[in-house]
Amino acid sequence: MSKITEQKRENIGSGGFAFPKQRKEPLHDAAHVRNAIVRFNQVEGVTDKERDEAWKRIKRAAAEFNVEVNESSWRDLAHSGKPKS
C-alpha cells in the first residue's frame, strides 16, 4: 500500500475518508480503499448509521479506483475475505 504522509493526510478533505468525523480510513487511492474495506470492522466508536454512510463512501471510491467489492453491505464483511482488485 502506498504511504501517506501526515501532511498529505491533513490535506485530504472530510469527504476523502470513509469515516470523516473521525478522519479514519482515507480513500484517496485503490490501495487505501482496499485497506478501508479490510479494516472496516476494526473502527471503533462509530454508530451503525455512520457505518452505513462510510460504506457508501467506500463503494463510491471503489468504483472510482476500479476496486471490486463483492459485498453489498458492510454487514457482509464478517463473512468474506479480502477485496479483489
N, C-alpha and C. Protein backbone atom coordinates (compact mmCIF):
# COMPACT_ATOMS: atom_id res chain seq x y z
N MET A 1 0.84 -1.17 0.00
CA MET A 1 0.00 0.00 0.00
C MET A 1 0.89 1.23 0.00
N SER A 2 0.43 2.24 -0.68
CA SER A 2 1.19 3.48 -0.74
C SER A 2 1.17 4.17 0.62
N LYS A 3 2.29 4.76 0.95
CA LYS A 3 2.39 5.51 2.21
C LYS A 3 1.73 6.86 2.03
N ILE A 4 1.15 7.35 3.09
CA ILE A 4 0.55 8.67 3.07
C ILE A 4 1.21 9.48 4.19
N THR A 5 1.77 10.61 3.82
CA THR A 5 2.43 11.45 4.81
C THR A 5 1.37 12.14 5.66
N GLU A 6 1.78 12.56 6.84
CA GLU A 6 0.87 13.26 7.73
C GLU A 6 0.36 14.55 7.07
N GLN A 7 1.25 15.23 6.35
CA GLN A 7 0.85 16.46 5.68
C GLN A 7 -0.20 16.19 4.61
N LYS A 8 0.02 15.14 3.82
CA LYS A 8 -0.95 14.80 2.78
C LYS A 8 -2.28 14.39 3.40
N ARG A 9 -2.21 13.63 4.50
CA ARG A 9 -3.42 13.20 5.20
C ARG A 9 -4.21 14.42 5.69
N GLU A 10 -3.51 15.42 6.20
CA GLU A 10 -4.16 16.63 6.70
C GLU A 10 -4.82 17.42 5.57
N ASN A 11 -4.31 17.27 4.35
CA ASN A 11 -4.85 18.00 3.21
C ASN A 11 -6.04 17.29 2.55
N ILE A 12 -6.34 16.08 2.99
CA ILE A 12 -7.49 15.35 2.46
C ILE A 12 -8.74 15.94 3.10
N GLY A 13 -9.69 16.31 2.27
CA GLY A 13 -10.96 16.83 2.78
C GLY A 13 -11.74 15.75 3.49
N SER A 14 -12.73 16.16 4.27
CA SER A 14 -13.53 15.20 5.03
C SER A 14 -14.14 14.12 4.14
N GLY A 15 -14.54 14.50 2.92
CA GLY A 15 -15.14 13.53 2.01
C GLY A 15 -14.18 12.47 1.51
N GLY A 16 -12.91 12.64 1.80
CA GLY A 16 -11.89 11.68 1.37
C GLY A 16 -11.62 10.58 2.37
N PHE A 17 -12.46 10.49 3.39
CA PHE A 17 -12.32 9.45 4.41
C PHE A 17 -13.61 8.65 4.48
N ALA A 18 -13.50 7.37 4.78
CA ALA A 18 -14.69 6.56 4.98
C ALA A 18 -15.46 7.07 6.20
N PHE A 19 -14.72 7.42 7.23
CA PHE A 19 -15.29 7.94 8.47
C PHE A 19 -14.78 9.36 8.66
N PRO A 20 -15.43 10.35 8.04
CA PRO A 20 -14.90 11.71 8.04
C PRO A 20 -14.85 12.38 9.42
N LYS A 21 -15.82 12.12 10.27
CA LYS A 21 -15.84 12.74 11.61
C LYS A 21 -14.60 12.33 12.40
N GLN A 22 -14.21 11.07 12.27
CA GLN A 22 -13.05 10.54 12.97
C GLN A 22 -11.77 10.65 12.13
N ARG A 23 -11.94 11.06 10.86
CA ARG A 23 -10.84 11.12 9.90
C ARG A 23 -10.09 9.78 9.84
N LYS A 24 -10.89 8.72 9.71
CA LYS A 24 -10.33 7.36 9.64
C LYS A 24 -10.60 6.77 8.27
N GLU A 25 -9.67 5.97 7.83
CA GLU A 25 -9.73 5.23 6.57
C GLU A 25 -9.79 6.15 5.35
N PRO A 26 -8.63 6.74 4.99
CA PRO A 26 -8.59 7.58 3.79
C PRO A 26 -8.90 6.76 2.54
N LEU A 27 -9.48 7.42 1.56
CA LEU A 27 -9.94 6.75 0.33
C LEU A 27 -9.36 7.41 -0.91
N HIS A 28 -8.08 7.78 -0.88
CA HIS A 28 -7.51 8.57 -1.97
C HIS A 28 -6.86 7.75 -3.08
N ASP A 29 -6.79 6.43 -2.92
CA ASP A 29 -6.28 5.57 -3.99
C ASP A 29 -6.79 4.15 -3.78
N ALA A 30 -6.57 3.29 -4.76
CA ALA A 30 -7.11 1.92 -4.72
C ALA A 30 -6.60 1.14 -3.51
N ALA A 31 -5.32 1.29 -3.19
CA ALA A 31 -4.75 0.55 -2.05
C ALA A 31 -5.43 0.94 -0.75
N HIS A 32 -5.69 2.22 -0.57
CA HIS A 32 -6.34 2.67 0.66
C HIS A 32 -7.82 2.28 0.69
N VAL A 33 -8.46 2.20 -0.45
CA VAL A 33 -9.85 1.73 -0.49
C VAL A 33 -9.89 0.27 -0.06
N ARG A 34 -8.99 -0.55 -0.61
CA ARG A 34 -8.94 -1.96 -0.20
C ARG A 34 -8.66 -2.08 1.30
N ASN A 35 -7.75 -1.26 1.81
CA ASN A 35 -7.41 -1.27 3.23
C ASN A 35 -8.62 -0.86 4.08
N ALA A 36 -9.38 0.12 3.62
CA ALA A 36 -10.57 0.56 4.36
C ALA A 36 -11.59 -0.57 4.46
N ILE A 37 -11.70 -1.37 3.42
CA ILE A 37 -12.62 -2.50 3.44
C ILE A 37 -12.14 -3.55 4.43
N VAL A 38 -10.88 -3.89 4.36
CA VAL A 38 -10.32 -4.92 5.23
C VAL A 38 -10.39 -4.51 6.70
N ARG A 39 -10.15 -3.24 6.98
CA ARG A 39 -10.11 -2.76 8.36
C ARG A 39 -11.45 -2.20 8.85
N PHE A 40 -12.46 -2.26 8.03
CA PHE A 40 -13.75 -1.63 8.33
C PHE A 40 -14.27 -2.00 9.71
N ASN A 41 -14.27 -3.27 10.04
CA ASN A 41 -14.82 -3.72 11.32
C ASN A 41 -13.92 -3.42 12.51
N GLN A 42 -12.73 -2.91 12.26
CA GLN A 42 -11.82 -2.56 13.35
C GLN A 42 -12.05 -1.13 13.85
N VAL A 43 -12.79 -0.34 13.10
CA VAL A 43 -13.06 1.04 13.50
C VAL A 43 -14.01 1.02 14.69
N GLU A 44 -13.60 1.67 15.77
CA GLU A 44 -14.39 1.68 17.00
C GLU A 44 -15.03 3.04 17.22
N GLY A 45 -16.07 3.05 18.03
CA GLY A 45 -16.70 4.30 18.43
C GLY A 45 -17.56 4.95 17.38
N VAL A 46 -18.10 4.15 16.46
CA VAL A 46 -18.99 4.69 15.43
C VAL A 46 -20.33 3.95 15.48
N THR A 47 -21.36 4.65 15.07
CA THR A 47 -22.70 4.07 15.07
C THR A 47 -22.92 3.27 13.78
N ASP A 48 -23.99 2.49 13.78
CA ASP A 48 -24.35 1.77 12.56
C ASP A 48 -24.69 2.74 11.44
N LYS A 49 -25.30 3.87 11.77
CA LYS A 49 -25.61 4.87 10.76
C LYS A 49 -24.32 5.41 10.14
N GLU A 50 -23.31 5.67 10.98
CA GLU A 50 -22.01 6.13 10.46
C GLU A 50 -21.37 5.05 9.59
N ARG A 51 -21.53 3.80 9.98
CA ARG A 51 -21.00 2.70 9.16
C ARG A 51 -21.72 2.63 7.81
N ASP A 52 -23.04 2.82 7.83
CA ASP A 52 -23.80 2.83 6.57
C ASP A 52 -23.28 3.91 5.64
N GLU A 53 -23.06 5.10 6.17
CA GLU A 53 -22.56 6.22 5.36
C GLU A 53 -21.13 5.95 4.90
N ALA A 54 -20.30 5.40 5.77
CA ALA A 54 -18.93 5.07 5.40
C ALA A 54 -18.90 4.04 4.28
N TRP A 55 -19.80 3.05 4.35
CA TRP A 55 -19.84 2.02 3.32
C TRP A 55 -20.20 2.63 1.96
N LYS A 56 -21.12 3.60 1.96
CA LYS A 56 -21.47 4.28 0.71
C LYS A 56 -20.25 4.99 0.14
N ARG A 57 -19.48 5.67 1.00
CA ARG A 57 -18.27 6.36 0.53
C ARG A 57 -17.24 5.37 0.00
N ILE A 58 -17.09 4.25 0.66
CA ILE A 58 -16.15 3.22 0.21
C ILE A 58 -16.58 2.67 -1.15
N LYS A 59 -17.87 2.39 -1.31
CA LYS A 59 -18.36 1.85 -2.59
C LYS A 59 -18.13 2.85 -3.72
N ARG A 60 -18.35 4.14 -3.47
CA ARG A 60 -18.10 5.17 -4.49
C ARG A 60 -16.62 5.22 -4.85
N ALA A 61 -15.77 5.21 -3.83
CA ALA A 61 -14.32 5.25 -4.08
C ALA A 61 -13.87 3.98 -4.79
N ALA A 62 -14.44 2.85 -4.43
CA ALA A 62 -14.09 1.58 -5.09
C ALA A 62 -14.41 1.65 -6.58
N ALA A 63 -15.56 2.20 -6.90
CA ALA A 63 -15.94 2.35 -8.32
C ALA A 63 -14.96 3.28 -9.03
N GLU A 64 -14.59 4.36 -8.37
CA GLU A 64 -13.67 5.33 -8.96
C GLU A 64 -12.29 4.73 -9.24
N PHE A 65 -11.81 3.86 -8.33
CA PHE A 65 -10.47 3.30 -8.46
C PHE A 65 -10.48 1.85 -8.97
N ASN A 66 -11.63 1.41 -9.48
CA ASN A 66 -11.75 0.05 -10.04
C ASN A 66 -11.39 -1.05 -9.06
N VAL A 67 -11.87 -0.91 -7.83
CA VAL A 67 -11.68 -1.94 -6.81
C VAL A 67 -12.98 -2.74 -6.74
N GLU A 68 -12.89 -4.03 -6.98
CA GLU A 68 -14.07 -4.88 -6.95
C GLU A 68 -14.51 -5.12 -5.50
N VAL A 69 -15.78 -4.88 -5.24
CA VAL A 69 -16.36 -5.13 -3.92
C VAL A 69 -17.53 -6.08 -4.11
N ASN A 70 -17.43 -7.26 -3.55
CA ASN A 70 -18.47 -8.27 -3.71
C ASN A 70 -19.59 -8.13 -2.70
N GLU A 71 -19.31 -7.52 -1.57
CA GLU A 71 -20.30 -7.38 -0.51
C GLU A 71 -21.25 -6.22 -0.85
N SER A 72 -22.52 -6.43 -0.61
CA SER A 72 -23.48 -5.35 -0.85
C SER A 72 -23.64 -4.46 0.37
N SER A 73 -23.24 -4.96 1.53
CA SER A 73 -23.36 -4.22 2.78
C SER A 73 -22.13 -4.47 3.63
N TRP A 74 -21.82 -3.52 4.50
CA TRP A 74 -20.70 -3.73 5.42
C TRP A 74 -20.98 -4.88 6.37
N ARG A 75 -22.25 -5.20 6.56
CA ARG A 75 -22.61 -6.31 7.46
C ARG A 75 -22.16 -7.65 6.89
N ASP A 76 -21.91 -7.69 5.60
CA ASP A 76 -21.44 -8.93 4.94
C ASP A 76 -19.94 -9.14 5.13
N LEU A 77 -19.22 -8.14 5.61
CA LEU A 77 -17.76 -8.24 5.70
C LEU A 77 -17.29 -9.33 6.66
N ALA A 78 -18.01 -9.62 7.68
CA ALA A 78 -17.58 -10.63 8.64
C ALA A 78 -17.53 -12.02 8.00
N HIS A 79 -18.21 -12.17 6.89
CA HIS A 79 -18.30 -13.48 6.24
C HIS A 79 -17.50 -13.58 4.96
N SER A 80 -16.67 -12.57 4.70
CA SER A 80 -15.94 -12.58 3.44
C SER A 80 -14.44 -12.46 3.67
N GLY A 81 -13.71 -12.62 2.61
CA GLY A 81 -12.27 -12.48 2.64
C GLY A 81 -11.86 -11.09 2.18
N LYS A 82 -10.65 -11.01 1.67
CA LYS A 82 -10.11 -9.72 1.20
C LYS A 82 -10.80 -9.28 -0.07
N PRO A 83 -10.88 -7.97 -0.28
CA PRO A 83 -11.46 -7.48 -1.54
C PRO A 83 -10.54 -7.79 -2.71
N LYS A 84 -11.14 -7.88 -3.87
CA LYS A 84 -10.36 -8.13 -5.09
C LYS A 84 -10.05 -6.82 -5.76
N SER A 85 -8.95 -6.80 -6.52
CA SER A 85 -8.63 -5.56 -7.25
C SER A 85 -8.90 -5.73 -8.73
